[in-house]
């Protein structure tokens, strides 16, 4: 009977560890994959009609 309680406790701990790892990898608002900041910045500025004066 004790092995059932130990097994359930081990499964709960394993599930908690998996949940924490999953949360660390999948942050809300993060961009997944390869992200090119310069092209994103250029596109956002051009949508707003602004110019990037840092490149002048």
PDB file of N, CA and C in Angstrom:
ATOM      1  N   UNK A   1       0.827  -1.204   0.000  1.00  0.00           N
ATOM      2  CA  UNK A   1       0.000   0.000   0.000  1.00  0.00           C
ATOM      3  C   UNK A   1       0.862   1.256   0.000  1.00  0.00           C
ATOM      4  N   UNK A   2       2.017   1.173   0.714  1.00  0.00           N
ATOM      5  CA  UNK A   2       2.871   2.364   0.761  1.00  0.00           C
ATOM      6  C   UNK A   2       3.437   2.706  -0.613  1.00  0.00           C
ATOM      7  N   UNK A   3       3.686   1.695  -1.415  1.00  0.00           N
ATOM      8  CA  UNK A   3       4.283   1.944  -2.717  1.00  0.00           C
ATOM      9  C   UNK A   3       3.333   2.711  -3.632  1.00  0.00           C
ATOM     10  N   UNK A   4       2.033   2.581  -3.404  1.00  0.00           N
ATOM     11  CA  UNK A   4       1.067   3.353  -4.197  1.00  0.00           C
ATOM     12  C   UNK A   4       1.170   4.835  -3.848  1.00  0.00           C
ATOM     13  N   UNK A   5       1.275   5.135  -2.575  1.00  0.00           N
ATOM     14  CA  UNK A   5       1.388   6.536  -2.136  1.00  0.00           C
ATOM     15  C   UNK A   5       2.707   7.131  -2.632  1.00  0.00           C
ATOM     16  N   UNK A   6       3.783   6.358  -2.537  1.00  0.00           N
ATOM     17  CA  UNK A   6       5.085   6.828  -3.014  1.00  0.00           C
ATOM     18  C   UNK A   6       5.044   7.037  -4.531  1.00  0.00           C
ATOM     19  N   UNK A   7       4.403   6.144  -5.234  1.00  0.00           N
ATOM     20  CA  UNK A   7       4.284   6.278  -6.684  1.00  0.00           C
ATOM     21  C   UNK A   7       3.483   7.504  -7.091  1.00  0.00           C
ATOM     22  N   UNK A   8       2.389   7.761  -6.410  1.00  0.00           N
ATOM     23  CA  UNK A   8       1.573   8.943  -6.707  1.00  0.00           C
ATOM     24  C   UNK A   8       2.359  10.212  -6.402  1.00  0.00           C
ATOM     25  N   UNK A   9       3.085  10.223  -5.285  1.00  0.00           N
ATOM     26  CA  UNK A   9       3.903  11.392  -4.937  1.00  0.00           C
ATOM     27  C   UNK A   9       4.982  11.618  -5.988  1.00  0.00           C
ATOM     28  N   UNK A  10       5.609  10.551  -6.466  1.00  0.00           N
ATOM     29  CA  UNK A  10       6.652  10.669  -7.494  1.00  0.00           C
ATOM     30  C   UNK A  10       6.065  11.202  -8.800  1.00  0.00           C
ATOM     31  N   UNK A  11       4.895  10.729  -9.160  1.00  0.00           N
ATOM     32  CA  UNK A  11       4.246  11.236 -10.384  1.00  0.00           C
ATOM     33  C   UNK A  11       3.880  12.710 -10.265  1.00  0.00           C
ATOM     34  N   UNK A  12       3.419  13.115  -9.095  1.00  0.00           N
ATOM     35  CA  UNK A  12       3.088  14.531  -8.894  1.00  0.00           C
ATOM     36  C   UNK A  12       4.332  15.409  -8.980  1.00  0.00           C
ATOM     37  N   UNK A  13       5.417  14.951  -8.395  1.00  0.00           N
ATOM     38  CA  UNK A  13       6.668  15.713  -8.471  1.00  0.00           C
ATOM     39  C   UNK A  13       7.167  15.778  -9.909  1.00  0.00           C
ATOM     40  N   UNK A  14       7.085  14.675 -10.622  1.00  0.00           N
ATOM     41  CA  UNK A  14       7.497  14.657 -12.027  1.00  0.00           C
ATOM     42  C   UNK A  14       6.637  15.596 -12.868  1.00  0.00           C
ATOM     43  N   UNK A  15       5.337  15.605 -12.622  1.00  0.00           N
ATOM     44  CA  UNK A  15       4.442  16.494 -13.350  1.00  0.00           C
ATOM     45  C   UNK A  15       4.761  17.959 -13.047  1.00  0.00           C
ATOM     46  N   UNK A  16       5.073  18.262 -11.797  1.00  0.00           N
ATOM     47  CA  UNK A  16       5.414  19.628 -11.427  1.00  0.00           C
ATOM     48  C   UNK A  16       6.702  20.079 -12.098  1.00  0.00           C
ATOM     49  N   UNK A  17       7.702  19.200 -12.138  1.00  0.00           N
ATOM     50  CA  UNK A  17       8.963  19.530 -12.805  1.00  0.00           C
ATOM     51  C   UNK A  17       8.735  19.758 -14.294  1.00  0.00           C
ATOM     52  N   UNK A  18       7.957  18.915 -14.916  1.00  0.00           N
ATOM     53  CA  UNK A  18       7.656  19.077 -16.351  1.00  0.00           C
ATOM     54  C   UNK A  18       6.912  20.381 -16.607  1.00  0.00           C
ATOM     55  N   UNK A  19       5.988  20.715 -15.738  1.00  0.00           N
ATOM     56  CA  UNK A  19       5.233  21.963 -15.885  1.00  0.00           C
ATOM     57  C   UNK A  19       6.152  23.165 -15.764  1.00  0.00           C
ATOM     58  N   UNK A  20       7.071  23.138 -14.820  1.00  0.00           N
ATOM     59  CA  UNK A  20       8.000  24.256 -14.655  1.00  0.00           C
ATOM     60  C   UNK A  20       8.924  24.403 -15.857  1.00  0.00           C
ATOM     61  N   UNK A  21       9.386  23.291 -16.401  1.00  0.00           N
ATOM     62  CA  UNK A  21      10.241  23.347 -17.594  1.00  0.00           C
ATOM     63  C   UNK A  21       9.452  23.885 -18.782  1.00  0.00           C
ATOM     64  N   UNK A  22       8.229  23.435 -18.942  1.00  0.00           N
ATOM     65  CA  UNK A  22       7.396  23.901 -20.055  1.00  0.00           C
ATOM     66  C   UNK A  22       7.120  25.391 -19.933  1.00  0.00           C
ATOM     67  N   UNK A  23       6.835  25.875 -18.714  1.00  0.00           N
ATOM     68  CA  UNK A  23       6.569  27.295 -18.501  1.00  0.00           C
ATOM     69  C   UNK A  23       7.803  28.132 -18.794  1.00  0.00           C
ATOM     70  N   UNK A  24       8.972  27.634 -18.447  1.00  0.00           N
ATOM     71  CA  UNK A  24      10.200  28.387 -18.683  1.00  0.00           C
ATOM     72  C   UNK A  24      10.488  28.517 -20.174  1.00  0.00           C
ATOM     73  N   UNK A  25      10.128  27.522 -20.947  1.00  0.00           N
ATOM     74  CA  UNK A  25      10.397  27.554 -22.385  1.00  0.00           C
ATOM     75  C   UNK A  25       9.331  28.319 -23.160  1.00  0.00           C
ATOM     76  N   UNK A  26       8.110  28.375 -22.663  1.00  0.00           N
ATOM     77  CA  UNK A  26       7.006  28.991 -23.391  1.00  0.00           C
ATOM     78  C   UNK A  26       6.500  30.203 -22.626  1.00  0.00           C
ATOM     79  N   UNK A  27       7.255  31.272 -22.705  1.00  0.00           N
ATOM     80  CA  UNK A  27       6.836  32.500 -22.039  1.00  0.00           C
ATOM     81  C   UNK A  27       5.836  33.235 -22.928  1.00  0.00           C
ATOM     82  N   UNK A  28       4.777  33.742 -22.359  1.00  0.00           N
ATOM     83  CA  UNK A  28       3.819  34.490 -23.182  1.00  0.00           C
ATOM     84  C   UNK A  28       4.458  35.761 -23.727  1.00  0.00           C
ATOM     85  N   UNK A  29       4.205  36.035 -24.970  1.00  0.00           N
ATOM     86  CA  UNK A  29       4.758  37.227 -25.592  1.00  0.00           C
ATOM     87  C   UNK A  29       6.122  37.024 -26.211  1.00  0.00           C
ATOM     88  N   UNK A  30       6.731  35.898 -26.002  1.00  0.00           N
ATOM     89  CA  UNK A  30       8.044  35.668 -26.594  1.00  0.00           C
ATOM     90  C   UNK A  30       7.887  35.239 -28.050  1.00  0.00           C
ATOM     91  N   UNK A  31       8.911  35.502 -28.804  1.00  0.00           N
ATOM     92  CA  UNK A  31       8.902  35.158 -30.216  1.00  0.00           C
ATOM     93  C   UNK A  31       9.677  33.865 -30.377  1.00  0.00           C
ATOM     94  N   UNK A  32       9.068  32.862 -30.969  1.00  0.00           N
ATOM     95  CA  UNK A  32       9.695  31.571 -31.132  1.00  0.00           C
ATOM     96  C   UNK A  32      10.440  31.509 -32.457  1.00  0.00           C
ATOM     97  N   UNK A  33      11.501  30.765 -32.470  1.00  0.00           N
ATOM     98  CA  UNK A  33      12.238  30.565 -33.707  1.00  0.00           C
ATOM     99  C   UNK A  33      13.267  31.648 -33.943  1.00  0.00           C
ATOM    100  N   UNK A  34      13.694  31.758 -35.184  1.00  0.00           N
ATOM    101  CA  UNK A  34      14.716  32.727 -35.576  1.00  0.00           C
ATOM    102  C   UNK A  34      14.071  34.097 -35.730  1.00  0.00           C
ATOM    103  N   UNK A  35      14.570  35.076 -35.006  1.00  0.00           N
ATOM    104  CA  UNK A  35      13.976  36.411 -35.021  1.00  0.00           C
ATOM    105  C   UNK A  35      15.028  37.423 -35.438  1.00  0.00           C
ATOM    106  N   UNK A  36      14.730  38.187 -36.459  1.00  0.00           N
ATOM    107  CA  UNK A  36      15.634  39.220 -36.955  1.00  0.00           C
ATOM    108  C   UNK A  36      15.148  40.568 -36.450  1.00  0.00           C
ATOM    109  N   UNK A  37      15.836  41.082 -35.425  1.00  0.00           N
ATOM    110  CA  UNK A  37      15.382  42.319 -34.803  1.00  0.00           C
ATOM    111  C   UNK A  37      15.475  43.502 -35.748  1.00  0.00           C
ATOM    112  N   UNK A  38      16.562  43.595 -36.517  1.00  0.00           N
ATOM    113  CA  UNK A  38      16.739  44.754 -37.398  1.00  0.00           C
ATOM    114  C   UNK A  38      15.641  44.846 -38.444  1.00  0.00           C
ATOM    115  N   UNK A  39      15.296  43.733 -39.051  1.00  0.00           N
ATOM    116  CA  UNK A  39      14.237  43.783 -40.069  1.00  0.00           C
ATOM    117  C   UNK A  39      12.882  44.047 -39.432  1.00  0.00           C
ATOM    118  N   UNK A  40      12.681  43.522 -38.224  1.00  0.00           N
ATOM    119  CA  UNK A  40      11.422  43.791 -37.522  1.00  0.00           C
ATOM    120  C   UNK A  40      11.307  45.274 -37.182  1.00  0.00           C
ATOM    121  N   UNK A  41      12.405  45.855 -36.687  1.00  0.00           N
ATOM    122  CA  UNK A  41      12.415  47.277 -36.322  1.00  0.00           C
ATOM    123  C   UNK A  41      12.174  48.141 -37.557  1.00  0.00           C
ATOM    124  N   UNK A  42      12.829  47.809 -38.653  1.00  0.00           N
ATOM    125  CA  UNK A  42      12.645  48.570 -39.892  1.00  0.00           C
ATOM    126  C   UNK A  42      11.199  48.505 -40.368  1.00  0.00           C
ATOM    127  N   UNK A  43      10.625  47.308 -40.305  1.00  0.00           N
ATOM    128  CA  UNK A  43       9.227  47.156 -40.726  1.00  0.00           C
ATOM    129  C   UNK A  43       8.266  47.915 -39.840  1.00  0.00           C
ATOM    130  N   UNK A  44       8.480  47.870 -38.533  1.00  0.00           N
ATOM    131  CA  UNK A  44       7.600  48.592 -37.619  1.00  0.00           C
ATOM    132  C   UNK A  44       7.711  50.100 -37.800  1.00  0.00           C
ATOM    133  N   UNK A  45       8.942  50.589 -37.981  1.00  0.00           N
ATOM    134  CA  UNK A  45       9.116  52.031 -38.163  1.00  0.00           C
ATOM    135  C   UNK A  45       8.506  52.493 -39.487  1.00  0.00           C
ATOM    136  N   UNK A  46       8.651  51.700 -40.532  1.00  0.00           N
ATOM    137  CA  UNK A  46       8.094  52.103 -41.818  1.00  0.00           C
ATOM    138  C   UNK A  46       6.566  52.081 -41.799  1.00  0.00           C
ATOM    139  N   UNK A  47       5.972  51.187 -41.014  1.00  0.00           N
ATOM    140  CA  UNK A  47       4.511  51.173 -40.885  1.00  0.00           C
ATOM    141  C   UNK A  47       4.010  52.451 -40.242  1.00  0.00           C
ATOM    142  N   UNK A  48       4.810  53.019 -39.361  1.00  0.00           N
ATOM    143  CA  UNK A  48       4.415  54.237 -38.650  1.00  0.00           C
ATOM    144  C   UNK A  48       4.848  55.508 -39.373  1.00  0.00           C
ATOM    145  N   UNK A  49       5.546  55.361 -40.480  1.00  0.00           N
ATOM    146  CA  UNK A  49       6.001  56.522 -41.235  1.00  0.00           C
ATOM    147  C   UNK A  49       7.204  57.188 -40.589  1.00  0.00           C
ATOM    148  N   UNK A  50       7.964  56.461 -39.787  1.00  0.00           N
ATOM    149  CA  UNK A  50       9.139  57.011 -39.115  1.00  0.00           C
ATOM    150  C   UNK A  50      10.403  56.518 -39.790  1.00  0.00           C
ATOM    151  N   UNK A  51      11.475  57.184 -39.532  1.00  0.00           N
ATOM    152  CA  UNK A  51      12.764  56.799 -40.099  1.00  0.00           C
ATOM    153  C   UNK A  51      13.728  56.477 -38.973  1.00  0.00           C
ATOM    154  N   UNK A  52      14.568  55.506 -39.191  1.00  0.00           N
ATOM    155  CA  UNK A  52      15.559  55.107 -38.197  1.00  0.00           C
ATOM    156  C   UNK A  52      16.791  55.977 -38.375  1.00  0.00           C
ATOM    157  N   UNK A  53      16.924  56.998 -37.549  1.00  0.00           N
ATOM    158  CA  UNK A  53      18.044  57.933 -37.673  1.00  0.00           C
ATOM    159  C   UNK A  53      19.336  57.364 -37.122  1.00  0.00           C
ATOM    160  N   UNK A  54      19.295  56.209 -36.489  1.00  0.00           N
ATOM    161  CA  UNK A  54      20.524  55.617 -35.984  1.00  0.00           C
ATOM    162  C   UNK A  54      21.391  55.077 -37.120  1.00  0.00           C
ATOM    163  N   UNK A  55      20.810  54.877 -38.279  1.00  0.00           N
ATOM    164  CA  UNK A  55      21.564  54.354 -39.418  1.00  0.00           C
ATOM    165  C   UNK A  55      22.102  55.461 -40.306  1.00  0.00           C
ATOM    166  N   UNK A  56      21.823  56.733 -39.990  1.00  0.00           N
ATOM    167  CA  UNK A  56      22.280  57.838 -40.811  1.00  0.00           C
ATOM    168  C   UNK A  56      23.696  58.174 -40.491  1.00  0.00           C
TER     169      UNK A  56
END
